[in-house]
């Protein structure tokens, strides 16, 4: 699995999503039921306003002699010219390959996340990250994880009543 945010977050199909690898003061979650295009754009723009960011996504799952390649449709949104494939020895005879793409542009990122959350695009097992923040997106949530507790605290104040509080104060049990 790839390690992000100075090695404290592991991203792989055999690990919990980043949101469940940190405590409440390092995370915030937005549920799809409150997400609209303009709000998604605002959240993503504020999260990566001054950062260069990358993406990492699942490309293939390898089980014995069978290789299943994920259909991501990411080429519709991102100009992918600088990628790196990373092989991971998974648990229980299931291995996988993730792809890391450096320097993702903000505009296609907003378009991709909006389409996934609004149900117009197939979700991928994917994260977007900078040196101190991670966005995990699927068709029902947008999670933001950061070592910068002030950033998360400010987001929670700004988006009070909008962000999802179901997991606040609850431990994650696999």
N, C-alpha and C. Protein backbone atom coordinates (compact mmCIF):
# COMPACT_ATOMS: atom_id res chain seq x y z
N UNK A 1 0.83 -1.18 0.00
CA UNK A 1 0.00 0.00 0.00
C UNK A 1 0.87 1.23 0.00
N UNK A 2 0.38 2.26 -0.59
CA UNK A 2 1.14 3.50 -0.62
C UNK A 2 0.95 4.23 0.70
N UNK A 3 2.00 4.92 1.12
CA UNK A 3 1.94 5.68 2.36
C UNK A 3 1.97 7.16 2.02
N UNK A 4 1.02 7.88 2.58
CA UNK A 4 0.83 9.29 2.26
C UNK A 4 0.81 10.09 3.57
N UNK A 5 1.01 11.36 3.48
CA UNK A 5 1.08 12.24 4.64
C UNK A 5 2.17 11.75 5.59
N UNK A 6 3.40 11.76 5.09
CA UNK A 6 4.58 11.37 5.86
C UNK A 6 4.48 9.96 6.40
N UNK A 7 3.86 9.08 5.65
CA UNK A 7 3.80 7.67 6.02
C UNK A 7 2.73 7.28 7.01
N UNK A 8 1.89 8.21 7.43
CA UNK A 8 0.90 7.89 8.45
C UNK A 8 -0.40 7.32 7.89
N UNK A 9 -0.67 7.54 6.61
CA UNK A 9 -1.89 7.05 5.98
C UNK A 9 -1.50 6.04 4.92
N UNK A 10 -2.14 4.88 4.95
CA UNK A 10 -1.88 3.85 3.97
C UNK A 10 -3.09 3.73 3.06
N UNK A 11 -2.84 3.69 1.75
CA UNK A 11 -3.93 3.62 0.79
C UNK A 11 -3.81 2.32 0.01
N UNK A 12 -4.75 1.43 0.21
CA UNK A 12 -4.77 0.16 -0.50
C UNK A 12 -6.08 -0.55 -0.27
N UNK A 13 -6.38 -1.52 -1.12
CA UNK A 13 -7.66 -2.22 -1.01
C UNK A 13 -7.73 -3.09 0.23
N UNK A 14 -6.57 -3.38 0.85
CA UNK A 14 -6.55 -4.20 2.04
C UNK A 14 -6.41 -3.38 3.33
N UNK A 15 -6.65 -2.07 3.23
CA UNK A 15 -6.58 -1.16 4.38
C UNK A 15 -7.87 -0.37 4.48
N UNK A 16 -8.19 0.12 5.69
CA UNK A 16 -9.36 1.01 5.80
C UNK A 16 -9.12 2.29 4.99
N UNK A 17 -10.20 2.93 4.56
CA UNK A 17 -10.05 4.19 3.83
C UNK A 17 -9.38 5.21 4.77
N UNK A 18 -8.74 6.24 4.22
CA UNK A 18 -8.00 7.19 5.06
C UNK A 18 -8.81 7.79 6.21
N UNK A 19 -10.09 8.04 6.00
CA UNK A 19 -10.94 8.63 7.04
C UNK A 19 -10.89 7.82 8.33
N UNK A 20 -10.81 6.51 8.22
CA UNK A 20 -10.83 5.64 9.40
C UNK A 20 -9.44 5.33 9.94
N UNK A 21 -8.42 5.96 9.38
CA UNK A 21 -7.06 5.78 9.88
C UNK A 21 -6.61 6.92 10.78
N UNK A 22 -7.47 7.92 10.97
CA UNK A 22 -7.12 9.08 11.80
C UNK A 22 -8.25 9.36 12.78
N UNK A 23 -7.94 10.19 13.77
CA UNK A 23 -8.94 10.58 14.76
C UNK A 23 -9.77 11.77 14.26
N UNK A 24 -10.82 12.09 15.00
CA UNK A 24 -11.79 13.11 14.59
C UNK A 24 -11.18 14.47 14.28
N UNK A 25 -10.15 14.87 15.01
CA UNK A 25 -9.59 16.20 14.79
C UNK A 25 -8.81 16.32 13.49
N UNK A 26 -8.60 15.20 12.80
CA UNK A 26 -7.87 15.19 11.53
C UNK A 26 -8.76 14.87 10.32
N UNK A 27 -10.08 14.85 10.51
CA UNK A 27 -10.94 14.43 9.40
C UNK A 27 -12.29 15.15 9.41
N UNK A 28 -12.86 15.22 8.20
CA UNK A 28 -14.22 15.73 8.02
C UNK A 28 -14.84 14.98 6.85
N UNK A 29 -16.12 14.69 6.96
CA UNK A 29 -16.83 13.92 5.92
C UNK A 29 -18.08 14.67 5.50
N UNK A 30 -18.28 14.67 4.17
CA UNK A 30 -19.49 15.27 3.60
C UNK A 30 -20.28 14.17 2.90
N UNK A 31 -21.56 14.03 3.25
CA UNK A 31 -22.42 13.03 2.62
C UNK A 31 -23.01 13.56 1.33
N UNK A 32 -23.27 12.65 0.40
CA UNK A 32 -23.77 13.04 -0.93
C UNK A 32 -25.13 13.73 -0.86
N UNK A 33 -25.91 13.42 0.14
CA UNK A 33 -27.27 13.96 0.21
C UNK A 33 -27.29 15.48 0.39
N UNK A 34 -26.19 16.06 0.82
CA UNK A 34 -26.13 17.52 0.99
C UNK A 34 -25.24 18.19 -0.04
N UNK A 35 -24.70 17.41 -0.94
CA UNK A 35 -23.73 17.94 -1.91
C UNK A 35 -24.42 18.43 -3.17
N UNK A 36 -24.08 19.62 -3.56
CA UNK A 36 -24.49 20.19 -4.84
C UNK A 36 -23.23 20.65 -5.54
N UNK A 37 -23.29 20.85 -6.84
CA UNK A 37 -22.11 21.21 -7.62
C UNK A 37 -21.35 22.41 -7.09
N UNK A 38 -22.06 23.47 -6.73
CA UNK A 38 -21.38 24.68 -6.26
C UNK A 38 -20.70 24.44 -4.91
N UNK A 39 -21.30 23.64 -4.04
CA UNK A 39 -20.71 23.34 -2.74
C UNK A 39 -19.48 22.45 -2.91
N UNK A 40 -19.56 21.49 -3.81
CA UNK A 40 -18.41 20.62 -4.08
C UNK A 40 -17.25 21.47 -4.59
N UNK A 41 -17.52 22.36 -5.52
CA UNK A 41 -16.47 23.23 -6.07
C UNK A 41 -15.84 24.08 -4.97
N UNK A 42 -16.65 24.63 -4.11
CA UNK A 42 -16.16 25.47 -3.02
C UNK A 42 -15.27 24.65 -2.07
N UNK A 43 -15.71 23.48 -1.68
CA UNK A 43 -14.95 22.64 -0.75
C UNK A 43 -13.61 22.22 -1.35
N UNK A 44 -13.62 21.75 -2.59
CA UNK A 44 -12.39 21.29 -3.23
C UNK A 44 -11.43 22.45 -3.46
N UNK A 45 -11.94 23.57 -3.90
CA UNK A 45 -11.09 24.75 -4.15
C UNK A 45 -10.44 25.22 -2.84
N UNK A 46 -11.19 25.25 -1.76
CA UNK A 46 -10.63 25.67 -0.48
C UNK A 46 -9.62 24.66 0.05
N UNK A 47 -9.85 23.39 -0.21
CA UNK A 47 -8.94 22.36 0.29
C UNK A 47 -7.58 22.45 -0.38
N UNK A 48 -7.56 22.65 -1.69
CA UNK A 48 -6.30 22.65 -2.42
C UNK A 48 -5.95 24.01 -3.00
N UNK A 49 -6.32 25.06 -2.30
CA UNK A 49 -6.13 26.40 -2.85
C UNK A 49 -4.69 26.74 -3.18
N UNK A 50 -3.75 26.37 -2.37
CA UNK A 50 -2.35 26.74 -2.60
C UNK A 50 -1.43 25.54 -2.74
N UNK A 51 -1.96 24.38 -3.00
CA UNK A 51 -1.16 23.16 -3.04
C UNK A 51 -1.04 22.58 -4.43
N UNK A 52 0.02 21.84 -4.63
CA UNK A 52 0.14 20.97 -5.80
C UNK A 52 -0.37 19.62 -5.33
N UNK A 53 -1.17 18.95 -6.14
CA UNK A 53 -1.70 17.68 -5.65
C UNK A 53 -1.62 16.59 -6.69
N UNK A 54 -1.73 15.36 -6.20
CA UNK A 54 -1.57 14.15 -6.98
C UNK A 54 -2.80 13.28 -6.79
N UNK A 55 -2.89 12.23 -7.60
CA UNK A 55 -3.96 11.26 -7.37
C UNK A 55 -3.36 9.87 -7.38
N UNK A 56 -4.01 8.99 -6.66
CA UNK A 56 -3.64 7.57 -6.66
C UNK A 56 -4.92 6.77 -6.77
N UNK A 57 -4.92 5.78 -7.65
CA UNK A 57 -6.12 4.99 -7.84
C UNK A 57 -5.77 3.53 -8.13
N UNK A 58 -6.74 2.67 -7.90
CA UNK A 58 -6.60 1.25 -8.16
C UNK A 58 -6.70 0.99 -9.65
N UNK A 59 -5.69 0.31 -10.20
CA UNK A 59 -5.70 -0.04 -11.62
C UNK A 59 -6.12 -1.48 -11.84
N UNK A 60 -5.50 -2.41 -11.08
CA UNK A 60 -5.75 -3.83 -11.30
C UNK A 60 -5.72 -4.60 -9.99
N UNK A 61 -6.52 -5.65 -9.96
CA UNK A 61 -6.50 -6.62 -8.86
C UNK A 61 -6.03 -7.93 -9.45
N UNK A 62 -5.07 -8.56 -8.79
CA UNK A 62 -4.48 -9.80 -9.29
C UNK A 62 -4.74 -10.91 -8.28
N UNK A 63 -5.47 -11.93 -8.73
CA UNK A 63 -5.77 -13.06 -7.87
C UNK A 63 -5.37 -14.33 -8.61
N UNK A 64 -4.23 -14.91 -8.20
CA UNK A 64 -3.70 -16.07 -8.90
C UNK A 64 -3.30 -15.67 -10.31
N UNK A 65 -3.85 -16.36 -11.31
CA UNK A 65 -3.56 -16.05 -12.71
C UNK A 65 -4.57 -15.08 -13.32
N UNK A 66 -5.54 -14.64 -12.54
CA UNK A 66 -6.59 -13.76 -13.03
C UNK A 66 -6.26 -12.30 -12.71
N UNK A 67 -6.31 -11.44 -13.71
CA UNK A 67 -6.08 -10.01 -13.52
C UNK A 67 -7.34 -9.26 -13.92
N UNK A 68 -7.90 -8.51 -12.98
CA UNK A 68 -9.07 -7.69 -13.26
C UNK A 68 -8.63 -6.24 -13.31
N UNK A 69 -8.79 -5.61 -14.46
CA UNK A 69 -8.43 -4.21 -14.62
C UNK A 69 -9.67 -3.35 -14.41
N UNK A 70 -9.52 -2.35 -13.57
CA UNK A 70 -10.64 -1.46 -13.25
C UNK A 70 -10.93 -0.52 -14.41
N UNK A 71 -12.19 -0.24 -14.64
CA UNK A 71 -12.61 0.74 -15.64
C UNK A 71 -12.84 2.05 -14.90
N UNK A 72 -11.90 2.97 -15.04
CA UNK A 72 -11.95 4.19 -14.23
C UNK A 72 -12.55 5.39 -14.95
N UNK A 73 -12.44 5.44 -16.26
CA UNK A 73 -12.89 6.60 -17.06
C UNK A 73 -12.16 7.90 -16.67
N UNK A 74 -11.03 7.80 -16.01
CA UNK A 74 -10.31 9.00 -15.57
C UNK A 74 -9.73 9.79 -16.74
N UNK A 75 -9.47 9.12 -17.86
CA UNK A 75 -8.96 9.80 -19.04
C UNK A 75 -9.93 10.83 -19.61
N UNK A 76 -11.20 10.72 -19.25
CA UNK A 76 -12.20 11.70 -19.68
C UNK A 76 -11.98 13.06 -18.99
N UNK A 77 -11.32 13.03 -17.84
CA UNK A 77 -11.19 14.23 -17.02
C UNK A 77 -9.76 14.75 -16.93
N UNK A 78 -8.81 13.83 -16.83
CA UNK A 78 -7.43 14.22 -16.55
C UNK A 78 -6.52 13.88 -17.72
N UNK A 79 -5.58 14.76 -17.97
CA UNK A 79 -4.54 14.49 -18.95
C UNK A 79 -3.45 13.72 -18.20
N UNK A 80 -3.40 12.42 -18.42
CA UNK A 80 -2.49 11.55 -17.68
C UNK A 80 -1.27 11.26 -18.55
N UNK A 81 -0.18 11.94 -18.23
CA UNK A 81 1.06 11.74 -18.99
C UNK A 81 2.22 11.36 -18.09
N UNK A 82 2.07 11.50 -16.81
CA UNK A 82 3.18 11.27 -15.89
C UNK A 82 2.76 10.34 -14.75
N UNK A 83 2.53 9.07 -15.07
CA UNK A 83 2.05 8.15 -14.06
C UNK A 83 3.13 7.14 -13.69
N UNK A 84 2.89 6.52 -12.54
CA UNK A 84 3.78 5.49 -12.03
C UNK A 84 2.91 4.36 -11.49
N UNK A 85 3.15 3.14 -11.95
CA UNK A 85 2.42 1.99 -11.44
C UNK A 85 3.18 1.40 -10.26
N UNK A 86 2.44 1.07 -9.20
CA UNK A 86 3.04 0.54 -7.99
C UNK A 86 2.36 -0.79 -7.65
N UNK A 87 3.15 -1.86 -7.62
CA UNK A 87 2.65 -3.20 -7.29
C UNK A 87 2.61 -3.36 -5.78
N UNK A 88 1.51 -3.93 -5.28
CA UNK A 88 1.36 -4.17 -3.84
C UNK A 88 1.06 -5.65 -3.60
N UNK A 89 1.82 -6.24 -2.71
CA UNK A 89 1.56 -7.62 -2.29
C UNK A 89 0.47 -7.54 -1.23
N UNK A 90 -0.71 -7.97 -1.61
CA UNK A 90 -1.85 -7.87 -0.70
C UNK A 90 -1.95 -9.06 0.22
N UNK A 91 -2.96 -9.03 1.05
CA UNK A 91 -3.21 -10.13 1.97
C UNK A 91 -4.03 -11.22 1.27
N UNK A 92 -3.88 -12.45 1.73
CA UNK A 92 -4.67 -13.59 1.27
C UNK A 92 -4.61 -13.80 -0.24
N UNK A 93 -3.42 -13.81 -0.80
CA UNK A 93 -3.19 -14.12 -2.22
C UNK A 93 -3.88 -13.17 -3.20
N UNK A 94 -4.22 -11.99 -2.77
CA UNK A 94 -4.79 -10.99 -3.67
C UNK A 94 -3.82 -9.80 -3.71
N UNK A 95 -3.21 -9.59 -4.87
CA UNK A 95 -2.30 -8.47 -5.06
C UNK A 95 -3.00 -7.40 -5.87
N UNK A 96 -2.42 -6.22 -5.93
CA UNK A 96 -3.05 -5.15 -6.70
C UNK A 96 -2.00 -4.15 -7.18
N UNK A 97 -2.41 -3.40 -8.19
CA UNK A 97 -1.55 -2.35 -8.75
C UNK A 97 -2.30 -1.02 -8.64
N UNK A 98 -1.65 -0.05 -8.01
CA UNK A 98 -2.17 1.31 -7.95
C UNK A 98 -1.38 2.17 -8.92
N UNK A 99 -1.98 3.23 -9.37
CA UNK A 99 -1.30 4.19 -10.24
C UNK A 99 -1.24 5.53 -9.51
N UNK A 100 -0.08 6.16 -9.56
CA UNK A 100 0.12 7.49 -8.98
C UNK A 100 0.34 8.46 -10.13
N UNK A 101 -0.43 9.54 -10.14
CA UNK A 101 -0.32 10.58 -11.15
C UNK A 101 -0.01 11.89 -10.42
N UNK A 102 1.04 12.56 -10.83
CA UNK A 102 1.49 13.79 -10.17
C UNK A 102 0.87 15.02 -10.83
N UNK A 103 0.71 16.05 -10.06
CA UNK A 103 0.32 17.39 -10.51
C UNK A 103 -1.00 17.42 -11.28
N UNK A 104 -2.07 17.12 -10.59
CA UNK A 104 -3.42 17.13 -11.16
C UNK A 104 -3.95 18.56 -11.16
N UNK A 105 -4.58 18.97 -12.24
CA UNK A 105 -5.17 20.31 -12.33
C UNK A 105 -6.49 20.36 -11.53
N UNK A 106 -6.77 21.50 -10.97
CA UNK A 106 -7.94 21.68 -10.12
C UNK A 106 -9.27 21.57 -10.89
N UNK A 107 -9.36 22.18 -12.05
CA UNK A 107 -10.64 22.21 -12.80
C UNK A 107 -11.15 20.81 -13.14
N UNK A 108 -10.32 19.91 -13.72
CA UNK A 108 -10.83 18.56 -13.98
C UNK A 108 -11.12 17.78 -12.70
N UNK A 109 -10.39 18.08 -11.64
CA UNK A 109 -10.65 17.42 -10.36
C UNK A 109 -12.05 17.76 -9.86
N UNK A 110 -12.40 19.02 -9.92
CA UNK A 110 -13.74 19.45 -9.49
C UNK A 110 -14.80 18.79 -10.36
N UNK A 111 -14.59 18.76 -11.66
CA UNK A 111 -15.56 18.15 -12.58
C UNK A 111 -15.72 16.66 -12.29
N UNK A 112 -14.61 15.95 -12.07
CA UNK A 112 -14.67 14.52 -11.78
C UNK A 112 -15.43 14.25 -10.48
N UNK A 113 -15.05 14.95 -9.41
CA UNK A 113 -15.69 14.71 -8.11
C UNK A 113 -17.17 15.05 -8.17
N UNK A 114 -17.52 16.14 -8.82
CA UNK A 114 -18.93 16.51 -8.96
C UNK A 114 -19.71 15.42 -9.68
N UNK A 115 -19.17 14.88 -10.75
CA UNK A 115 -19.86 13.84 -11.51
C UNK A 115 -19.98 12.53 -10.72
N UNK A 116 -18.97 12.18 -9.94
CA UNK A 116 -19.05 10.96 -9.13
C UNK A 116 -20.11 11.13 -8.04
N UNK A 117 -20.04 12.22 -7.29
CA UNK A 117 -20.96 12.43 -6.18
C UNK A 117 -22.40 12.59 -6.67
N UNK A 118 -22.59 13.22 -7.81
CA UNK A 118 -23.95 13.41 -8.35
C UNK A 118 -24.46 12.18 -9.11
N UNK A 119 -23.66 11.13 -9.19
CA UNK A 119 -24.09 9.88 -9.81
C UNK A 119 -23.96 9.84 -11.32
N UNK A 120 -23.22 10.77 -11.91
CA UNK A 120 -23.07 10.81 -13.37
C UNK A 120 -21.81 10.09 -13.86
N UNK A 121 -21.01 9.60 -12.95
CA UNK A 121 -19.77 8.91 -13.31
C UNK A 121 -19.53 7.75 -12.36
N UNK A 122 -18.97 6.69 -12.89
CA UNK A 122 -18.61 5.52 -12.10
C UNK A 122 -17.52 5.92 -11.11
N UNK A 123 -17.67 5.43 -9.87
CA UNK A 123 -16.65 5.73 -8.88
C UNK A 123 -15.46 4.80 -9.06
N UNK A 124 -14.31 5.28 -8.65
CA UNK A 124 -13.08 4.49 -8.64
C UNK A 124 -12.57 4.46 -7.21
N UNK A 125 -11.70 3.53 -6.91
CA UNK A 125 -11.02 3.52 -5.62
C UNK A 125 -9.87 4.50 -5.76
N UNK A 126 -10.06 5.73 -5.27
CA UNK A 126 -9.17 6.83 -5.63
C UNK A 126 -9.04 7.82 -4.48
N UNK A 127 -7.85 8.42 -4.39
CA UNK A 127 -7.64 9.55 -3.50
C UNK A 127 -6.89 10.63 -4.26
N UNK A 128 -7.04 11.85 -3.78
CA UNK A 128 -6.30 13.00 -4.28
C UNK A 128 -5.57 13.57 -3.07
N UNK A 129 -4.28 13.88 -3.21
CA UNK A 129 -3.53 14.28 -2.04
C UNK A 129 -2.44 15.31 -2.35
N UNK A 130 -2.14 16.09 -1.30
CA UNK A 130 -1.02 17.03 -1.34
C UNK A 130 -0.09 16.63 -0.21
N UNK A 131 0.81 17.51 0.17
CA UNK A 131 1.75 17.18 1.24
C UNK A 131 1.06 17.03 2.60
N UNK A 132 -0.09 17.68 2.79
CA UNK A 132 -0.73 17.60 4.10
C UNK A 132 -2.25 17.36 4.08
N UNK A 133 -2.82 17.08 2.91
CA UNK A 133 -4.26 16.84 2.84
C UNK A 133 -4.56 15.69 1.88
N UNK A 134 -5.65 14.99 2.17
CA UNK A 134 -6.14 13.90 1.31
C UNK A 134 -7.62 14.12 1.09
N UNK A 135 -8.06 13.93 -0.15
CA UNK A 135 -9.50 13.84 -0.44
C UNK A 135 -9.75 12.43 -0.95
N UNK A 136 -10.66 11.74 -0.28
CA UNK A 136 -11.15 10.44 -0.74
C UNK A 136 -12.57 10.68 -1.22
N UNK A 137 -12.88 10.19 -2.40
CA UNK A 137 -14.22 10.41 -2.94
C UNK A 137 -14.80 9.10 -3.44
N UNK A 138 -16.06 8.89 -3.15
CA UNK A 138 -16.83 7.79 -3.74
C UNK A 138 -18.22 8.33 -4.01
N UNK A 139 -19.15 7.49 -4.43
CA UNK A 139 -20.44 8.03 -4.84
C UNK A 139 -21.34 8.47 -3.68
N UNK A 140 -20.92 8.22 -2.43
CA UNK A 140 -21.77 8.69 -1.34
C UNK A 140 -21.09 9.60 -0.32
N UNK A 141 -19.77 9.76 -0.39
CA UNK A 141 -19.09 10.68 0.53
C UNK A 141 -17.89 11.36 -0.12
N UNK A 142 -17.54 12.50 0.45
CA UNK A 142 -16.25 13.14 0.20
C UNK A 142 -15.61 13.26 1.58
N UNK A 143 -14.45 12.62 1.75
CA UNK A 143 -13.71 12.69 3.00
C UNK A 143 -12.49 13.56 2.80
N UNK A 144 -12.20 14.40 3.78
CA UNK A 144 -10.98 15.19 3.78
C UNK A 144 -10.22 14.86 5.06
N UNK A 145 -8.95 14.51 4.90
CA UNK A 145 -8.08 14.15 6.01
C UNK A 145 -6.87 15.07 5.96
N UNK A 146 -6.44 15.55 7.12
CA UNK A 146 -5.28 16.44 7.15
C UNK A 146 -4.57 16.37 8.50
N UNK A 147 -3.25 16.54 8.47
CA UNK A 147 -2.49 16.68 9.72
C UNK A 147 -2.74 18.06 10.33
N UNK A 148 -3.19 19.00 9.54
CA UNK A 148 -3.43 20.36 9.98
C UNK A 148 -4.78 20.43 10.71
N UNK A 149 -4.73 20.30 12.02
CA UNK A 149 -5.98 20.26 12.79
C UNK A 149 -6.72 21.60 12.73
N UNK A 150 -6.00 22.70 12.59
CA UNK A 150 -6.66 24.00 12.47
C UNK A 150 -7.49 24.07 11.18
N UNK A 151 -6.93 23.54 10.09
CA UNK A 151 -7.66 23.50 8.82
C UNK A 151 -8.97 22.72 9.00
N UNK A 152 -8.91 21.55 9.60
CA UNK A 152 -10.11 20.72 9.81
C UNK A 152 -11.08 21.42 10.76
N UNK A 153 -10.57 22.01 11.82
CA UNK A 153 -11.41 22.75 12.77
C UNK A 153 -12.13 23.91 12.08
N UNK A 154 -11.40 24.65 11.24
CA UNK A 154 -12.01 25.76 10.50
C UNK A 154 -13.09 25.26 9.54
N UNK A 155 -12.81 24.13 8.86
CA UNK A 155 -13.80 23.55 7.95
C UNK A 155 -15.05 23.13 8.72
N UNK A 156 -14.87 22.51 9.87
CA UNK A 156 -16.02 22.07 10.67
C UNK A 156 -16.86 23.25 11.13
N UNK A 157 -16.21 24.35 11.46
CA UNK A 157 -16.96 25.56 11.85
C UNK A 157 -17.71 26.14 10.65
N UNK A 158 -17.00 26.26 9.54
CA UNK A 158 -17.60 26.85 8.34
C UNK A 158 -18.77 26.02 7.80
N UNK A 159 -18.63 24.69 7.84
CA UNK A 159 -19.65 23.80 7.25
C UNK A 159 -20.48 23.08 8.32
N UNK A 160 -20.61 23.70 9.48
CA UNK A 160 -21.43 23.11 10.54
C UNK A 160 -22.86 22.94 10.04
N UNK A 161 -23.42 21.79 10.31
CA UNK A 161 -24.77 21.49 9.83
C UNK A 161 -24.78 20.89 8.44
N UNK A 162 -23.65 20.94 7.75
CA UNK A 162 -23.56 20.37 6.40
C UNK A 162 -22.72 19.09 6.43
N UNK A 163 -21.61 19.11 7.18
CA UNK A 163 -20.76 17.91 7.19
C UNK A 163 -21.41 16.80 8.01
N UNK A 164 -21.04 15.58 7.72
CA UNK A 164 -21.62 14.38 8.31
C UNK A 164 -20.98 14.11 9.68
N UNK A 165 -21.79 13.94 10.71
CA UNK A 165 -21.28 13.71 12.06
C UNK A 165 -21.50 12.28 12.56
N UNK A 166 -21.96 11.38 11.72
CA UNK A 166 -22.28 10.02 12.16
C UNK A 166 -21.10 9.34 12.85
N UNK A 167 -19.90 9.44 12.28
CA UNK A 167 -18.73 8.74 12.83
C UNK A 167 -17.97 9.59 13.85
N UNK A 168 -18.38 10.80 14.13
CA UNK A 168 -17.66 11.64 15.09
C UNK A 168 -17.75 10.99 16.48
N UNK A 169 -16.61 10.76 17.09
CA UNK A 169 -16.55 10.15 18.41
C UNK A 169 -16.73 8.65 18.45
N UNK A 170 -16.92 8.04 17.29
CA UNK A 170 -17.09 6.58 17.23
C UNK A 170 -15.82 5.92 16.70
N UNK A 171 -15.41 4.85 17.34
CA UNK A 171 -14.23 4.14 16.82
C UNK A 171 -14.61 3.28 15.61
N UNK A 172 -13.66 3.09 14.72
CA UNK A 172 -13.87 2.23 13.56
C UNK A 172 -13.45 0.82 13.94
N UNK A 173 -14.31 -0.14 13.70
CA UNK A 173 -14.00 -1.54 13.99
C UNK A 173 -14.17 -2.31 12.70
N UNK A 174 -13.11 -3.02 12.29
CA UNK A 174 -13.18 -3.80 11.04
C UNK A 174 -13.98 -5.06 11.25
